[in-house]
Amino acid sequence: MRRPFRNRAEAGRVLAGALSEYAGRSDVIVLALPRGGVPVAYEVARALGAPLDVFLVRKLGAPGHEELAMGAIASDGVVVINDEVVKAMRIREGDIRDAIESERRELARRESAYRDDRPPADVRGKVVILIDDGLATGSSMRAAVTALRRQDPARIIVAVPIGAASTCAELQALADDCICAFTPEPFRAVGLWYEDFTQTEDAEVAELLARAGGAASEPGATRGARREPGP
């Protein structure tokens, strides 16, 4: 059976269709969770005619099981801990502190690599569409929503192509809205629903952000009518 999405770009185009009510609005900004959320968000921003930026969040991997999120940290210092995972795996406080410090260093590196000294987007009073390539446990997205609330946006819309139904419901309660294009059962993992789930590299993130910024500033460019990307 064919999986719902060939790759993240196709997933973004599908997700954009579910967000069409936000097209052409001057108060909308699209923020992507790097790295996998950026190719998805690029397609959404292009379809909606909205500016694109990144919102940096890092998963805190459980010791010895780094793919399992025991929490997440956002670039402004917000930390969200999954108490159930911590208790179930008997994770020590020292291990949590070590993970937080390590991910803080990685967040600083990515800020430099992706932004190229550009300041973060000003989201005050904006409708923020916060995008990732999927929702499994939702730790990173919860940290992102919590951190964004501090910046006083008008609304926060979480949007993903694929997500676990229970996690989407949790984010619906935390954000102002949560749009999950597909919520298959059983869910298992985000990558199972993509034919190509190759890791997104830093260079691709930087390229897409630069391309989005260039399209927005082209002479004669109009909202919702962005230049098609090259092959």
C-alpha atoms as a PDB file:
ATOM      1  CA  MET A   1       0.000   0.000   0.000  1.00  0.00           C
ATOM      2  CA  ARG A   2       1.305   3.440  -0.922  1.00  0.00           C
ATOM      3  CA  ARG A   3       2.276   5.660   1.972  1.00  0.00           C
ATOM      4  CA  PRO A   4       0.499   9.047   2.161  1.00  0.00           C
ATOM      5  CA  PHE A   5       3.570  11.096   1.178  1.00  0.00           C
ATOM      6  CA  ARG A   6       6.457  10.599  -1.235  1.00  0.00           C
ATOM      7  CA  ASN A   7       8.593  13.101   0.665  1.00  0.00           C
ATOM      8  CA  ARG A   8       8.382  16.197   2.879  1.00  0.00           C
ATOM      9  CA  ALA A   9       7.784  18.559  -0.033  1.00  0.00           C
ATOM     10  CA  GLU A  10       4.690  16.624  -1.111  1.00  0.00           C
ATOM     11  CA  ALA A  11       3.546  16.521   2.515  1.00  0.00           C
ATOM     12  CA  GLY A  12       3.852  20.301   2.638  1.00  0.00           C
ATOM     13  CA  ARG A  13       1.717  20.761  -0.446  1.00  0.00           C
ATOM     14  CA  VAL A  14      -0.975  18.521   1.038  1.00  0.00           C
ATOM     15  CA  LEU A  15      -0.837  20.365   4.355  1.00  0.00           C
ATOM     16  CA  ALA A  16      -1.089  23.722   2.575  1.00  0.00           C
ATOM     17  CA  GLY A  17      -4.490  22.653   1.252  1.00  0.00           C
ATOM     18  CA  ALA A  18      -5.743  22.225   4.815  1.00  0.00           C
ATOM     19  CA  LEU A  19      -4.512  25.739   5.662  1.00  0.00           C
ATOM     20  CA  SER A  20      -5.968  27.586   2.672  1.00  0.00           C
ATOM     21  CA  GLU A  21      -8.038  29.907   4.888  1.00  0.00           C
ATOM     22  CA  TYR A  22      -4.787  31.619   5.905  1.00  0.00           C
ATOM     23  CA  ALA A  23      -3.658  32.410   2.340  1.00  0.00           C
ATOM     24  CA  GLY A  24      -2.836  35.998   1.451  1.00  0.00           C
ATOM     25  CA  ARG A  25      -3.121  37.343   5.005  1.00  0.00           C
ATOM     26  CA  SER A  26      -0.572  39.932   6.126  1.00  0.00           C
ATOM     27  CA  ASP A  27      -0.818  38.818   9.765  1.00  0.00           C
ATOM     28  CA  VAL A  28       0.314  35.217   9.137  1.00  0.00           C
ATOM     29  CA  ILE A  29       3.833  33.866   9.588  1.00  0.00           C
ATOM     30  CA  VAL A  30       4.984  30.265   9.097  1.00  0.00           C
ATOM     31  CA  LEU A  31       7.563  28.882  11.549  1.00  0.00           C
ATOM     32  CA  ALA A  32       9.247  25.531  10.986  1.00  0.00           C
ATOM     33  CA  LEU A  33      10.803  23.185  13.518  1.00  0.00           C
ATOM     34  CA  PRO A  34      14.211  22.263  12.033  1.00  0.00           C
ATOM     35  CA  ARG A  35      15.282  20.279  10.475  1.00  0.00           C
ATOM     36  CA  GLY A  36      12.569  18.046   9.051  1.00  0.00           C
ATOM     37  CA  GLY A  37       9.836  20.642   9.397  1.00  0.00           C
ATOM     38  CA  VAL A  38      11.548  23.106   7.053  1.00  0.00           C
ATOM     39  CA  PRO A  39      10.857  21.403   3.683  1.00  0.00           C
ATOM     40  CA  VAL A  40       7.225  20.954   4.761  1.00  0.00           C
ATOM     41  CA  ALA A  41       6.887  24.553   5.929  1.00  0.00           C
ATOM     42  CA  TYR A  42       8.572  25.925   2.806  1.00  0.00           C
ATOM     43  CA  GLU A  43       5.782  24.517   0.638  1.00  0.00           C
ATOM     44  CA  VAL A  44       3.113  25.810   3.027  1.00  0.00           C
ATOM     45  CA  ALA A  45       4.604  29.311   3.157  1.00  0.00           C
ATOM     46  CA  ARG A  46       4.920  29.418  -0.619  1.00  0.00           C
ATOM     47  CA  ALA A  47       1.301  28.352  -1.098  1.00  0.00           C
ATOM     48  CA  LEU A  48      -0.049  30.809   1.468  1.00  0.00           C
ATOM     49  CA  GLY A  49       2.168  33.710   0.419  1.00  0.00           C
ATOM     50  CA  ALA A  50       3.469  33.970   3.979  1.00  0.00           C
ATOM     51  CA  PRO A  51       6.969  34.647   5.342  1.00  0.00           C
ATOM     52  CA  LEU A  52       8.974  31.654   6.567  1.00  0.00           C
ATOM     53  CA  ASP A  53      11.347  31.349   9.512  1.00  0.00           C
ATOM     54  CA  VAL A  54      12.544  28.646  11.868  1.00  0.00           C
ATOM     55  CA  PHE A  55      11.757  28.146  15.537  1.00  0.00           C
ATOM     56  CA  LEU A  56      14.534  26.173  17.142  1.00  0.00           C
ATOM     57  CA  VAL A  57      13.654  23.312  19.465  1.00  0.00           C
ATOM     58  CA  ARG A  58      15.728  20.246  20.356  1.00  0.00           C
ATOM     59  CA  LYS A  59      14.532  16.919  21.640  1.00  0.00           C
ATOM     60  CA  LEU A  60      16.093  15.656  24.881  1.00  0.00           C
ATOM     61  CA  GLY A  61      16.862  12.012  24.185  1.00  0.00           C
ATOM     62  CA  ALA A  62      16.650   9.476  26.994  1.00  0.00           C
ATOM     63  CA  PRO A  63      20.098   8.108  28.001  1.00  0.00           C
ATOM     64  CA  GLY A  64      20.856   4.996  25.970  1.00  0.00           C
ATOM     65  CA  HIS A  65      17.623   5.449  23.990  1.00  0.00           C
ATOM     66  CA  GLU A  66      18.220   8.798  22.297  1.00  0.00           C
ATOM     67  CA  GLU A  67      15.344   8.374  19.834  1.00  0.00           C
ATOM     68  CA  LEU A  68      12.933   8.367  22.785  1.00  0.00           C
ATOM     69  CA  ALA A  69      12.123  11.906  23.903  1.00  0.00           C
ATOM     70  CA  MET A  70      12.270  12.547  27.631  1.00  0.00           C
ATOM     71  CA  GLY A  71      11.583  16.206  26.883  1.00  0.00           C
ATOM     72  CA  ALA A  72      12.602  19.144  24.708  1.00  0.00           C
ATOM     73  CA  ILE A  73      14.262  22.547  24.954  1.00  0.00           C
ATOM     74  CA  ALA A  74      13.596  25.726  22.963  1.00  0.00           C
ATOM     75  CA  SER A  75      16.189  28.352  22.080  1.00  0.00           C
ATOM     76  CA  ASP A  76      14.848  30.873  24.602  1.00  0.00           C
ATOM     77  CA  GLY A  77      15.478  28.426  27.449  1.00  0.00           C
ATOM     78  CA  VAL A  78      12.028  26.837  27.826  1.00  0.00           C
ATOM     79  CA  VAL A  79      12.356  23.181  28.883  1.00  0.00           C
ATOM     80  CA  VAL A  80       9.512  20.656  28.731  1.00  0.00           C
ATOM     81  CA  ILE A  81      10.061  17.320  30.512  1.00  0.00           C
ATOM     82  CA  ASN A  82       8.022  14.163  29.886  1.00  0.00           C
ATOM     83  CA  ASP A  83       7.597  12.989  33.481  1.00  0.00           C
ATOM     84  CA  GLU A  84       6.136   9.640  32.422  1.00  0.00           C
ATOM     85  CA  VAL A  85       9.253   8.736  30.420  1.00  0.00           C
ATOM     86  CA  VAL A  86      11.576   9.990  33.167  1.00  0.00           C
ATOM     87  CA  LYS A  87       9.808   7.888  35.816  1.00  0.00           C
ATOM     88  CA  ALA A  88       9.412   4.797  33.647  1.00  0.00           C
ATOM     89  CA  MET A  89      13.117   4.760  32.718  1.00  0.00           C
ATOM     90  CA  ARG A  90      14.338   5.969  36.127  1.00  0.00           C
ATOM     91  CA  ILE A  91      16.341   8.771  34.530  1.00  0.00           C
ATOM     92  CA  ARG A  92      18.530  10.677  36.993  1.00  0.00           C
ATOM     93  CA  GLU A  93      18.387  14.445  37.383  1.00  0.00           C
ATOM     94  CA  GLY A  94      22.071  14.674  36.480  1.00  0.00           C
ATOM     95  CA  ASP A  95      21.406  12.968  33.144  1.00  0.00           C
ATOM     96  CA  ILE A  96      18.618  15.436  32.424  1.00  0.00           C
ATOM     97  CA  ARG A  97      20.890  18.387  33.226  1.00  0.00           C
ATOM     98  CA  ASP A  98      23.633  16.986  30.972  1.00  0.00           C
ATOM     99  CA  ALA A  99      21.188  16.548  28.100  1.00  0.00           C
ATOM    100  CA  ILE A 100      19.869  20.099  28.506  1.00  0.00           C
ATOM    101  CA  GLU A 101      23.388  21.563  28.449  1.00  0.00           C
ATOM    102  CA  SER A 102      24.352  19.545  25.374  1.00  0.00           C
ATOM    103  CA  GLU A 103      21.239  20.577  23.464  1.00  0.00           C
ATOM    104  CA  ARG A 104      21.706  24.235  24.441  1.00  0.00           C
ATOM    105  CA  ARG A 105      25.059  24.157  22.664  1.00  0.00           C
ATOM    106  CA  GLU A 106      23.471  22.584  19.589  1.00  0.00           C
ATOM    107  CA  LEU A 107      20.692  25.186  19.572  1.00  0.00           C
ATOM    108  CA  ALA A 108      23.305  27.968  19.590  1.00  0.00           C
ATOM    109  CA  ARG A 109      25.146  26.318  16.684  1.00  0.00           C
ATOM    110  CA  ARG A 110      21.971  26.018  14.638  1.00  0.00           C
ATOM    111  CA  GLU A 111      20.934  29.602  15.340  1.00  0.00           C
ATOM    112  CA  SER A 112      24.220  30.688  13.771  1.00  0.00           C
ATOM    113  CA  ALA A 113      24.059  28.234  10.857  1.00  0.00           C
ATOM    114  CA  TYR A 114      20.464  28.927   9.829  1.00  0.00           C
ATOM    115  CA  ARG A 115      19.998  32.612  10.522  1.00  0.00           C
ATOM    116  CA  ASP A 116      23.328  33.993   9.270  1.00  0.00           C
ATOM    117  CA  ASP A 117      23.050  36.824  11.836  1.00  0.00           C
ATOM    118  CA  ARG A 118      19.427  37.588  10.920  1.00  0.00           C
ATOM    119  CA  PRO A 119      17.267  38.292  13.993  1.00  0.00           C
ATOM    120  CA  PRO A 120      14.385  35.904  14.780  1.00  0.00           C
ATOM    121  CA  ALA A 121      11.010  36.812  13.313  1.00  0.00           C
ATOM    122  CA  ASP A 122       8.834  39.142  15.377  1.00  0.00           C
ATOM    123  CA  VAL A 123       5.657  37.168  16.073  1.00  0.00           C
ATOM    124  CA  ARG A 124       3.945  39.668  18.371  1.00  0.00           C
ATOM    125  CA  GLY A 125       0.315  40.035  17.278  1.00  0.00           C
ATOM    126  CA  LYS A 126       0.771  37.525  14.444  1.00  0.00           C
ATOM    127  CA  VAL A 127      -1.042  34.318  13.597  1.00  0.00           C
ATOM    128  CA  VAL A 128       1.783  31.783  13.811  1.00  0.00           C
ATOM    129  CA  ILE A 129       1.519  28.510  11.902  1.00  0.00           C
ATOM    130  CA  LEU A 130       3.989  26.173  13.607  1.00  0.00           C
ATOM    131  CA  ILE A 131       4.994  23.251  11.401  1.00  0.00           C
ATOM    132  CA  ASP A 132       6.895  19.977  11.750  1.00  0.00           C
ATOM    133  CA  ASP A 133       7.021  16.887   9.527  1.00  0.00           C
ATOM    134  CA  GLY A 134       4.941  14.917  12.032  1.00  0.00           C
ATOM    135  CA  LEU A 135       3.879  14.453  15.646  1.00  0.00           C
ATOM    136  CA  ALA A 136       4.776  11.344  17.608  1.00  0.00           C
ATOM    137  CA  THR A 137       5.197  12.125  21.328  1.00  0.00           C
ATOM    138  CA  GLY A 138       4.905  15.868  20.654  1.00  0.00           C
ATOM    139  CA  SER A 139       7.613  16.901  23.160  1.00  0.00           C
ATOM    140  CA  SER A 140       9.361  19.269  20.753  1.00  0.00           C
ATOM    141  CA  MET A 141       6.111  20.852  19.622  1.00  0.00           C
ATOM    142  CA  ARG A 142       4.911  21.364  23.187  1.00  0.00           C
ATOM    143  CA  ALA A 143       8.176  23.138  24.015  1.00  0.00           C
ATOM    144  CA  ALA A 144       7.783  25.294  20.923  1.00  0.00           C
ATOM    145  CA  VAL A 145       4.200  26.290  21.758  1.00  0.00           C
ATOM    146  CA  THR A 146       5.132  27.074  25.371  1.00  0.00           C
ATOM    147  CA  ALA A 147       8.081  29.214  24.268  1.00  0.00           C
ATOM    148  CA  LEU A 148       6.080  31.024  21.595  1.00  0.00           C
ATOM    149  CA  ARG A 149       3.378  32.010  24.079  1.00  0.00           C
ATOM    150  CA  ARG A 150       5.975  34.204  25.792  1.00  0.00           C
ATOM    151  CA  GLN A 151       6.324  36.240  22.578  1.00  0.00           C
ATOM    152  CA  ASP A 152       2.668  37.291  22.546  1.00  0.00           C
ATOM    153  CA  PRO A 153       1.384  36.042  19.159  1.00  0.00           C
ATOM    154  CA  ALA A 154      -2.288  36.524  18.350  1.00  0.00           C
ATOM    155  CA  ARG A 155      -2.802  32.788  17.729  1.00  0.00           C
ATOM    156  CA  ILE A 156      -0.681  29.637  17.462  1.00  0.00           C
ATOM    157  CA  ILE A 157      -1.735  27.048  14.900  1.00  0.00           C
ATOM    158  CA  VAL A 158       0.115  23.725  15.068  1.00  0.00           C
ATOM    159  CA  ALA A 159       0.066  22.041  11.658  1.00  0.00           C
ATOM    160  CA  VAL A 160       1.584  18.711  10.592  1.00  0.00           C
ATOM    161  CA  PRO A 161       1.031  16.303   7.688  1.00  0.00           C
ATOM    162  CA  ILE A 162       0.893  13.237   9.937  1.00  0.00           C
ATOM    163  CA  GLY A 163       0.428  12.683  13.644  1.00  0.00           C
ATOM    164  CA  ALA A 164      -0.612  10.317  16.392  1.00  0.00           C
ATOM    165  CA  ALA A 165      -4.272  11.028  17.164  1.00  0.00           C
ATOM    166  CA  SER A 166      -3.684  11.286  20.917  1.00  0.00           C
ATOM    167  CA  THR A 167      -0.796  13.735  20.469  1.00  0.00           C
ATOM    168  CA  CYS A 168      -2.795  15.864  18.046  1.00  0.00           C
ATOM    169  CA  ALA A 169      -5.573  16.038  20.655  1.00  0.00           C
ATOM    170  CA  GLU A 170      -3.091  17.141  23.324  1.00  0.00           C
ATOM    171  CA  LEU A 171      -1.726  19.892  21.058  1.00  0.00           C
ATOM    172  CA  GLN A 172      -5.279  20.985  20.223  1.00  0.00           C
ATOM    173  CA  ALA A 173      -5.711  21.783  23.902  1.00  0.00           C
ATOM    174  CA  LEU A 174      -2.326  23.518  24.227  1.00  0.00           C
ATOM    175  CA  ALA A 175      -2.335  25.584  21.013  1.00  0.00           C
ATOM    176  CA  ASP A 176      -5.201  27.637  19.605  1.00  0.00           C
ATOM    177  CA  ASP A 177      -5.713  25.021  16.901  1.00  0.00           C
ATOM    178  CA  CYS A 178      -3.992  21.831  15.754  1.00  0.00           C
ATOM    179  CA  ILE A 179      -4.318  20.605  12.185  1.00  0.00           C
ATOM    180  CA  CYS A 180      -3.123  17.051  11.499  1.00  0.00           C
ATOM    181  CA  ALA A 181      -3.742  16.105   7.859  1.00  0.00           C
ATOM    182  CA  PHE A 182      -3.607  12.357   8.650  1.00  0.00           C
ATOM    183  CA  THR A 183      -3.936  10.516  11.977  1.00  0.00           C
ATOM    184  CA  PRO A 184      -3.498   6.822  11.095  1.00  0.00           C
ATOM    185  CA  GLU A 185      -3.995   4.055  13.642  1.00  0.00           C
ATOM    186  CA  PRO A 186      -1.825   2.398  14.726  1.00  0.00           C
ATOM    187  CA  PHE A 187       0.648   5.269  14.339  1.00  0.00           C
ATOM    188  CA  ARG A 188       4.028   3.835  15.451  1.00  0.00           C
ATOM    189  CA  ALA A 189       6.437   6.446  13.974  1.00  0.00           C
ATOM    190  CA  VAL A 190       6.445   9.508  11.711  1.00  0.00           C
ATOM    191  CA  GLY A 191       8.924   8.062   9.210  1.00  0.00           C
ATOM    192  CA  LEU A 192       6.709   5.072   8.400  1.00  0.00           C
ATOM    193  CA  TRP A 193       4.303   7.350   6.527  1.00  0.00           C
ATOM    194  CA  TYR A 194       6.872   8.774   4.105  1.00  0.00           C
ATOM    195  CA  GLU A 195       8.358   6.908   1.171  1.00  0.00           C
ATOM    196  CA  ASP A 196      11.458   9.108   1.466  1.00  0.00           C
ATOM    197  CA  PHE A 197      12.246  10.175   5.023  1.00  0.00           C
ATOM    198  CA  THR A 198      15.909  10.996   4.438  1.00  0.00           C
ATOM    199  CA  GLN A 199      17.336  13.255   7.134  1.00  0.00           C
ATOM    200  CA  THR A 200      17.184  16.942   6.236  1.00  0.00           C
ATOM    201  CA  GLU A 201      20.657  18.490   6.351  1.00  0.00           C
ATOM    202  CA  ASP A 202      21.694  21.924   7.609  1.00  0.00           C
ATOM    203  CA  ALA A 203      22.574  23.054   4.075  1.00  0.00           C
ATOM    204  CA  GLU A 204      19.043  22.311   2.838  1.00  0.00           C
ATOM    205  CA  VAL A 205      17.532  24.242   5.745  1.00  0.00           C
ATOM    206  CA  ALA A 206      19.709  27.275   4.993  1.00  0.00           C
ATOM    207  CA  GLU A 207      18.958  27.042   1.257  1.00  0.00           C
ATOM    208  CA  LEU A 208      15.187  26.890   1.718  1.00  0.00           C
ATOM    209  CA  LEU A 209      15.186  29.796   4.167  1.00  0.00           C
ATOM    210  CA  ALA A 210      17.265  31.869   1.756  1.00  0.00           C
ATOM    211  CA  ARG A 211      15.023  30.905  -1.163  1.00  0.00           C
ATOM    212  CA  ALA A 212      11.894  31.834   0.773  1.00  0.00           C
ATOM    213  CA  GLY A 213      13.377  35.188   1.771  1.00  0.00           C
ATOM    214  CA  GLY A 214      14.473  35.909  -1.800  1.00  0.00           C
ATOM    215  CA  ALA A 215      11.045  35.131  -3.236  1.00  0.00           C
ATOM    216  CA  ALA A 216       9.403  37.450  -0.713  1.00  0.00           C
ATOM    217  CA  SER A 217      11.662  40.356  -1.695  1.00  0.00           C
ATOM    218  CA  GLU A 218      11.604  39.958  -5.487  1.00  0.00           C
ATOM    219  CA  PRO A 219      10.438  43.032  -7.413  1.00  0.00           C
ATOM    220  CA  GLY A 220       6.805  42.608  -8.417  1.00  0.00           C
ATOM    221  CA  ALA A 221       6.271  39.606  -6.167  1.00  0.00           C
ATOM    222  CA  THR A 222       2.753  39.331  -4.769  1.00  0.00           C
ATOM    223  CA  ARG A 223       1.465  37.417  -1.786  1.00  0.00           C
ATOM    224  CA  GLY A 224       0.441  33.934  -2.787  1.00  0.00           C
ATOM    225  CA  ALA A 225       2.371  34.117  -6.089  1.00  0.00           C
ATOM    226  CA  ARG A 226       5.877  32.962  -5.257  1.00  0.00           C
ATOM    227  CA  ARG A 227       8.471  31.908  -7.825  1.00  0.00           C
ATOM    228  CA  GLU A 228       8.663  28.197  -8.397  1.00  0.00           C
ATOM    229  CA  PRO A 229      11.858  26.691  -7.009  1.00  0.00           C
ATOM    230  CA  GLY A 230      14.412  25.261  -9.381  1.00  0.00           C
ATOM    231  CA  PRO A 231      14.874  21.528  -9.830  1.00  0.00           C
END
